[in-house]
Protein backbone atom coordinates (compact mmCIF):
# COMPACT_ATOMS: atom_id res chain seq x y z
CA MET A 1 20.61 -75.37 10.71
CA THR A 2 23.02 -75.76 13.63
CA ASN A 3 21.64 -79.25 14.29
CA SER A 4 22.14 -80.21 10.64
CA ARG A 5 25.74 -79.01 10.75
CA ALA A 6 26.38 -80.98 13.92
CA HIS A 7 24.79 -84.08 12.39
CA VAL A 8 27.04 -84.17 9.34
CA ARG A 9 30.15 -83.22 11.32
CA ARG A 10 29.52 -86.07 13.76
CA LEU A 11 28.94 -88.52 10.90
CA ALA A 12 32.21 -87.56 9.23
CA HIS A 13 34.24 -87.99 12.41
CA GLN A 14 32.56 -91.26 13.37
CA ARG A 15 32.47 -92.96 9.98
CA GLY A 16 35.33 -91.33 8.08
CA ALA A 17 38.21 -91.43 10.53
CA ASN A 18 40.92 -91.45 7.86
CA PHE A 19 39.31 -88.62 5.89
CA SER A 20 38.46 -86.51 8.92
CA LEU A 21 42.15 -86.04 9.76
CA GLY A 22 42.35 -83.95 6.61
CA PHE A 23 38.89 -82.39 6.91
CA ARG A 24 39.91 -80.66 10.14
CA LEU A 25 42.62 -78.72 8.30
CA LEU A 26 40.20 -76.95 5.95
CA PRO A 27 38.96 -73.41 6.66
CA LEU A 28 35.55 -73.32 8.32
CA ALA A 29 33.37 -72.73 5.23
CA LYS A 30 35.05 -75.51 3.26
CA ARG A 31 35.00 -77.79 6.28
CA ARG A 32 31.24 -77.38 6.61
CA ALA A 33 30.83 -78.08 2.91
CA VAL A 34 32.97 -81.21 3.08
CA TYR A 35 31.06 -82.53 6.08
CA ALA A 36 27.77 -82.04 4.22
CA ALA A 37 29.12 -83.67 1.07
CA TYR A 38 30.56 -86.58 3.03
CA ALA A 39 27.16 -87.27 4.60
CA ALA A 40 25.46 -87.10 1.20
CA CYS A 41 27.96 -89.65 -0.11
CA ARG A 42 27.75 -91.88 2.95
CA ILE A 43 23.97 -92.28 2.88
CA PRO A 44 23.57 -94.28 -0.36
CA ASP A 45 26.59 -96.40 0.56
CA ASP A 46 25.01 -97.23 3.92
CA ILE A 47 21.66 -98.00 2.27
CA VAL A 48 23.39 -100.84 0.45
CA ASP A 49 26.07 -101.97 2.91
CA GLU A 50 24.39 -101.43 6.27
CA ALA A 51 20.90 -102.72 5.49
CA GLU A 52 19.27 -104.88 8.11
CA ALA A 53 19.24 -108.63 7.48
CA GLY A 54 16.52 -109.91 5.21
CA VAL A 55 15.84 -106.70 3.31
CA SER A 56 15.09 -107.51 -0.32
CA ARG A 57 17.06 -106.16 -3.26
CA ASP A 58 13.89 -104.47 -4.53
CA GLU A 59 13.52 -102.64 -1.23
CA LEU A 60 17.12 -101.43 -1.37
CA HIS A 61 16.57 -100.16 -4.91
CA ALA A 62 13.49 -98.35 -3.64
CA ARG A 63 15.50 -96.74 -0.86
CA LEU A 64 18.11 -95.57 -3.36
CA ASP A 65 15.30 -94.20 -5.53
CA ALA A 66 13.98 -92.30 -2.52
CA TRP A 67 17.44 -90.85 -1.90
CA VAL A 68 17.66 -89.71 -5.53
CA GLU A 69 14.30 -87.97 -5.09
CA GLU A 70 15.61 -86.31 -1.93
CA LEU A 71 18.66 -85.03 -3.81
CA GLU A 72 16.44 -83.65 -6.55
CA ARG A 73 14.30 -81.83 -3.96
CA THR A 74 17.42 -80.52 -2.27
CA TYR A 75 18.78 -79.01 -5.47
CA ALA A 76 15.33 -77.53 -6.04
CA GLY A 77 15.58 -75.81 -2.63
CA ASP A 78 13.42 -78.15 -0.54
CA PRO A 79 15.67 -80.46 1.54
CA GLY A 80 13.95 -82.83 3.93
CA THR A 81 16.66 -84.46 6.08
CA PRO A 82 19.43 -83.16 8.36
CA ALA A 83 22.08 -84.25 5.85
CA THR A 84 20.42 -82.59 2.87
CA ARG A 85 19.64 -79.43 4.85
CA ALA A 86 23.36 -79.18 5.57
CA LEU A 87 24.05 -79.80 1.89
CA ALA A 88 21.55 -77.19 0.73
CA GLU A 89 23.17 -74.60 2.99
CA VAL A 90 26.53 -74.89 1.23
CA LEU A 91 25.41 -75.20 -2.40
CA ALA A 92 25.29 -71.46 -3.00
CA SER A 93 28.96 -71.02 -2.15
CA HIS A 94 30.25 -74.42 -3.29
CA PRO A 95 28.67 -75.65 -6.53
CA ILE A 96 28.75 -79.36 -5.76
CA PRO A 97 27.65 -81.07 -8.99
CA LYS A 98 24.38 -82.93 -8.68
CA ARG A 99 25.43 -85.29 -11.47
CA ALA A 100 28.31 -86.53 -9.31
CA LEU A 101 26.03 -87.28 -6.35
CA LEU A 102 23.62 -89.09 -8.68
CA GLY A 103 26.50 -90.98 -10.28
CA LEU A 104 27.60 -92.17 -6.87
CA VAL A 105 24.11 -93.55 -6.25
CA GLU A 106 24.38 -95.55 -9.47
CA GLY A 107 27.71 -96.90 -8.30
CA CYS A 108 26.13 -98.01 -5.04
CA ARG A 109 23.31 -99.55 -7.04
CA MET A 110 25.89 -101.65 -8.91
CA ASP A 111 26.72 -103.38 -5.64
CA LEU A 112 23.16 -104.72 -5.59
CA VAL A 113 23.45 -106.35 -8.99
CA ARG A 114 27.13 -107.12 -9.51
CA ARG A 115 29.53 -108.93 -7.18
CA ARG A 116 32.41 -109.84 -9.52
CA TYR A 117 34.50 -108.01 -12.14
CA ALA A 118 36.13 -110.00 -14.91
CA THR A 119 38.78 -107.43 -15.86
CA PHE A 120 40.30 -104.27 -14.50
CA ALA A 121 38.60 -102.30 -17.26
CA GLU A 122 35.23 -103.39 -15.82
CA LEU A 123 36.33 -102.53 -12.29
CA GLU A 124 37.57 -99.14 -13.45
CA LEU A 125 34.07 -98.25 -14.65
CA TYR A 126 32.76 -99.06 -11.17
CA CYS A 127 35.49 -96.92 -9.60
CA GLU A 128 34.50 -94.02 -11.84
CA LEU A 129 31.05 -94.09 -10.24
CA VAL A 130 31.94 -94.70 -6.59
CA ALA A 131 35.25 -92.80 -6.36
CA VAL A 132 35.89 -90.36 -9.20
CA THR A 133 32.48 -88.82 -8.59
CA ILE A 134 33.67 -88.02 -5.07
CA SER A 135 36.74 -86.31 -6.52
CA ASP A 136 34.45 -84.14 -8.64
CA ILE A 137 32.43 -83.27 -5.52
CA SER A 138 35.56 -82.53 -3.50
CA LEU A 139 37.20 -80.35 -6.13
CA ALA A 140 34.07 -78.20 -6.26
CA ILE A 141 34.71 -77.48 -2.58
CA PHE A 142 38.51 -77.30 -2.56
CA GLY A 143 38.61 -74.90 -5.52
CA THR A 144 40.70 -75.56 -8.61
CA LEU A 145 43.30 -73.30 -10.20
CA ARG A 146 43.82 -75.15 -13.48
CA PRO A 147 41.81 -77.61 -15.58
CA GLU A 148 44.44 -80.31 -15.02
CA ALA A 149 43.14 -80.65 -11.45
CA ALA A 150 40.35 -82.94 -12.66
CA ALA A 151 42.76 -85.53 -14.05
CA ALA A 152 45.00 -85.38 -10.98
CA GLY A 153 41.93 -85.67 -8.75
CA ARG A 154 40.85 -88.74 -10.68
CA HIS A 155 44.21 -90.36 -9.95
CA LEU A 156 43.88 -89.65 -6.24
CA ALA A 157 40.33 -90.99 -6.21
CA MET A 158 41.46 -94.17 -7.96
CA ALA A 159 44.35 -94.53 -5.50
CA LEU A 160 42.02 -94.25 -2.51
CA GLN A 161 39.46 -96.67 -3.96
CA LEU A 162 42.07 -99.24 -4.93
CA THR A 163 43.56 -98.95 -1.44
CA ASN A 164 40.13 -99.73 -0.01
CA ILE A 165 39.85 -102.74 -2.30
CA CYS A 166 43.27 -104.05 -1.27
CA ARG A 167 42.53 -103.45 2.41
CA ASP A 168 39.05 -104.99 2.41
CA VAL A 169 39.43 -108.27 0.49
CA GLY A 170 38.39 -110.38 3.46
CA GLU A 171 35.65 -108.01 4.59
CA ASP A 172 34.19 -107.82 1.09
CA LEU A 173 34.09 -111.61 0.86
CA GLY A 174 31.78 -111.52 3.86
CA ARG A 175 29.33 -109.67 1.61
CA ASP A 176 29.98 -112.11 -1.25
CA ARG A 177 31.85 -109.46 -3.22
CA ILE A 178 35.20 -109.75 -4.97
CA TYR A 179 36.57 -106.53 -6.40
CA LEU A 180 39.90 -108.00 -7.46
CA PRO A 181 39.60 -108.64 -11.21
CA LEU A 182 38.98 -112.34 -11.85
CA GLU A 183 41.34 -112.35 -14.84
CA GLU A 184 44.16 -111.24 -12.56
CA LEU A 185 43.32 -113.84 -9.92
CA ASP A 186 43.48 -116.54 -12.59
CA ARG A 187 46.70 -115.23 -14.10
CA LEU A 188 48.45 -115.14 -10.72
CA GLY A 189 47.18 -118.52 -9.54
CA VAL A 190 44.59 -117.53 -6.93
CA SER A 191 41.08 -119.03 -7.15
CA GLU A 192 37.87 -117.77 -5.68
CA ALA A 193 37.80 -120.99 -3.67
CA ASP A 194 41.20 -120.08 -2.20
CA LEU A 195 39.85 -116.73 -1.05
CA ARG A 196 36.71 -118.25 0.43
CA ALA A 197 38.77 -120.81 2.34
CA GLY A 198 41.22 -118.16 3.56
CA ARG A 199 44.13 -119.82 1.73
CA VAL A 200 46.13 -116.62 1.42
CA ALA A 201 49.46 -117.49 3.02
CA GLY A 202 51.15 -118.65 -0.18
CA ALA A 203 53.27 -116.92 -2.79
CA GLU A 204 50.36 -116.69 -5.22
CA TYR A 205 48.27 -114.43 -3.00
CA ALA A 206 51.37 -112.40 -2.06
CA ASN A 207 52.10 -111.82 -5.75
CA LEU A 208 48.47 -110.93 -6.47
CA MET A 209 48.37 -108.33 -3.73
CA ALA A 210 51.79 -106.95 -4.65
CA PHE A 211 50.43 -106.38 -8.16
CA GLN A 212 47.29 -104.68 -6.85
CA CYS A 213 49.25 -102.45 -4.47
CA ARG A 214 51.67 -101.40 -7.22
CA ARG A 215 48.74 -100.29 -9.34
CA ALA A 216 47.38 -98.19 -6.47
CA ARG A 217 50.81 -96.70 -5.82
CA GLY A 218 51.03 -95.70 -9.47
CA HIS A 219 47.86 -93.65 -9.04
CA PHE A 220 49.24 -92.02 -5.88
CA GLU A 221 52.36 -91.04 -7.83
CA SER A 222 50.26 -89.60 -10.68
CA ALA A 223 48.22 -87.63 -8.12
CA ASN A 224 51.27 -85.83 -6.72
CA ALA A 225 50.50 -82.84 -8.92
CA LEU A 226 47.06 -82.28 -7.40
CA PRO A 227 47.85 -80.00 -4.43
CA ALA A 228 49.50 -77.41 -6.66
CA LEU A 229 46.38 -77.35 -8.86
CA ILE A 230 43.93 -76.46 -6.07
CA GLU A 231 43.48 -73.45 -3.81
CA ALA A 232 46.21 -73.05 -1.20
CA ASP A 233 43.91 -73.33 1.83
CA SER A 234 42.83 -76.82 0.69
CA ARG A 235 46.28 -78.26 0.07
CA PRO A 236 47.18 -79.46 3.58
CA ALA A 237 43.88 -81.33 3.89
CA VAL A 238 44.34 -83.09 0.55
CA ARG A 239 47.95 -83.97 1.29
CA VAL A 240 46.99 -85.44 4.67
CA MET A 241 44.08 -87.48 3.30
CA GLY A 242 46.23 -88.90 0.53
CA GLY A 243 49.14 -89.48 2.88
CA VAL A 244 47.00 -91.37 5.37
CA TYR A 245 45.67 -93.69 2.70
CA ARG A 246 49.10 -94.24 1.16
CA ARG A 247 50.33 -95.40 4.54
CA VAL A 248 47.35 -97.73 4.84
CA LEU A 249 48.34 -99.16 1.46
CA ASP A 250 51.92 -99.60 2.68
CA ARG A 251 50.69 -101.66 5.63
CA VAL A 252 48.56 -103.86 3.38
CA ALA A 253 51.49 -104.40 1.03
CA ALA A 254 53.79 -105.26 3.92
CA ASN A 255 51.46 -107.94 5.33
CA PRO A 256 48.60 -108.87 2.97
CA VAL A 257 47.68 -111.94 5.04
CA ARG A 258 47.09 -109.86 8.15
CA ALA A 259 45.11 -107.36 6.08
CA PHE A 260 42.94 -110.20 4.77
CA ASN A 261 42.14 -111.39 8.29
CA SER A 262 41.69 -108.06 10.09
CA ARG A 263 41.04 -104.48 9.09
CA VAL A 264 44.17 -102.37 8.72
CA GLU A 265 44.25 -99.34 10.98
CA LEU A 266 47.07 -96.83 11.27
CA PRO A 267 48.69 -96.51 14.71
CA ARG A 268 48.60 -93.06 16.26
CA TRP A 269 52.26 -92.34 15.50
CA GLN A 270 51.73 -93.01 11.81
CA ARG A 271 48.66 -90.77 11.71
CA LEU A 272 50.73 -87.99 13.25
CA THR A 273 53.47 -88.66 10.68
CA ALA A 274 50.91 -88.32 7.87
CA ILE A 275 49.64 -85.04 9.31
CA ALA A 276 53.17 -83.67 9.66
CA ALA A 277 54.08 -84.71 6.12
CA GLY A 278 50.93 -83.07 4.78
CA LEU A 279 51.61 -79.83 6.61
CA LEU A 280 55.17 -79.83 5.31
CA GLY A 281 53.96 -80.27 1.74
CA ARG A 282 55.35 -83.75 1.16
CA PRO A 283 54.12 -85.65 -1.92
CA PHE A 284 51.77 -88.61 -1.57
CA LEU A 285 54.49 -90.96 -2.76
């Protein structure tokens, strides 16, 4: 089991740099559970996004099906991989909902069949599967004090996912995906052709991204209640994770053209600022 724990811990630190700043602040039992859950969430995402060139869509569906079967075996007490062995170890003490892990798989599956979203309402359904499910998983580990935690957790999950979308416009185009709602592009004067050609230096793209970032900031503000609704030993971690992402969003909003052309990363001083703010109990926004 030690090897399984090390495997998921290493995966979280290597692949989830922004999240892992908060993970490290959790008490040991919750930290182990979060590492295991992170790995279980990362695997279906990587099946879709990190597949080797030339792999067919049918093969990727088959790999997701195999992962669903592995989750079912894990919840039945028979895990077969390092990640699911780490997950199985923590299920007795942290009732991570299987339905949320399966919902996440369906969200990843959507990326195989859908590459555009006409309206925000359509995009929001996608976010429910790929982000709000992760909030449900996380809250099962963090521990909730009141039922309102679920709604506040949803807001934080939406804020994080919308930050990713704002940050990754250029990167997502490389996979032929546009997560910005097409109705909003049209309304604000940005065409898909503009995005493909990298014509993002004008006022239209600036206005589009300002609108997207305001929406994400609204979710951060609505999530401010979350730390008070979860167990005290989880609050610093949640505040830090949210604070890191809010600062990423600030950098995207400040220079959307640079964010389009290169991945936004927080400098060390700003990471330390986010950690300090989280430890001091500052709100996300």
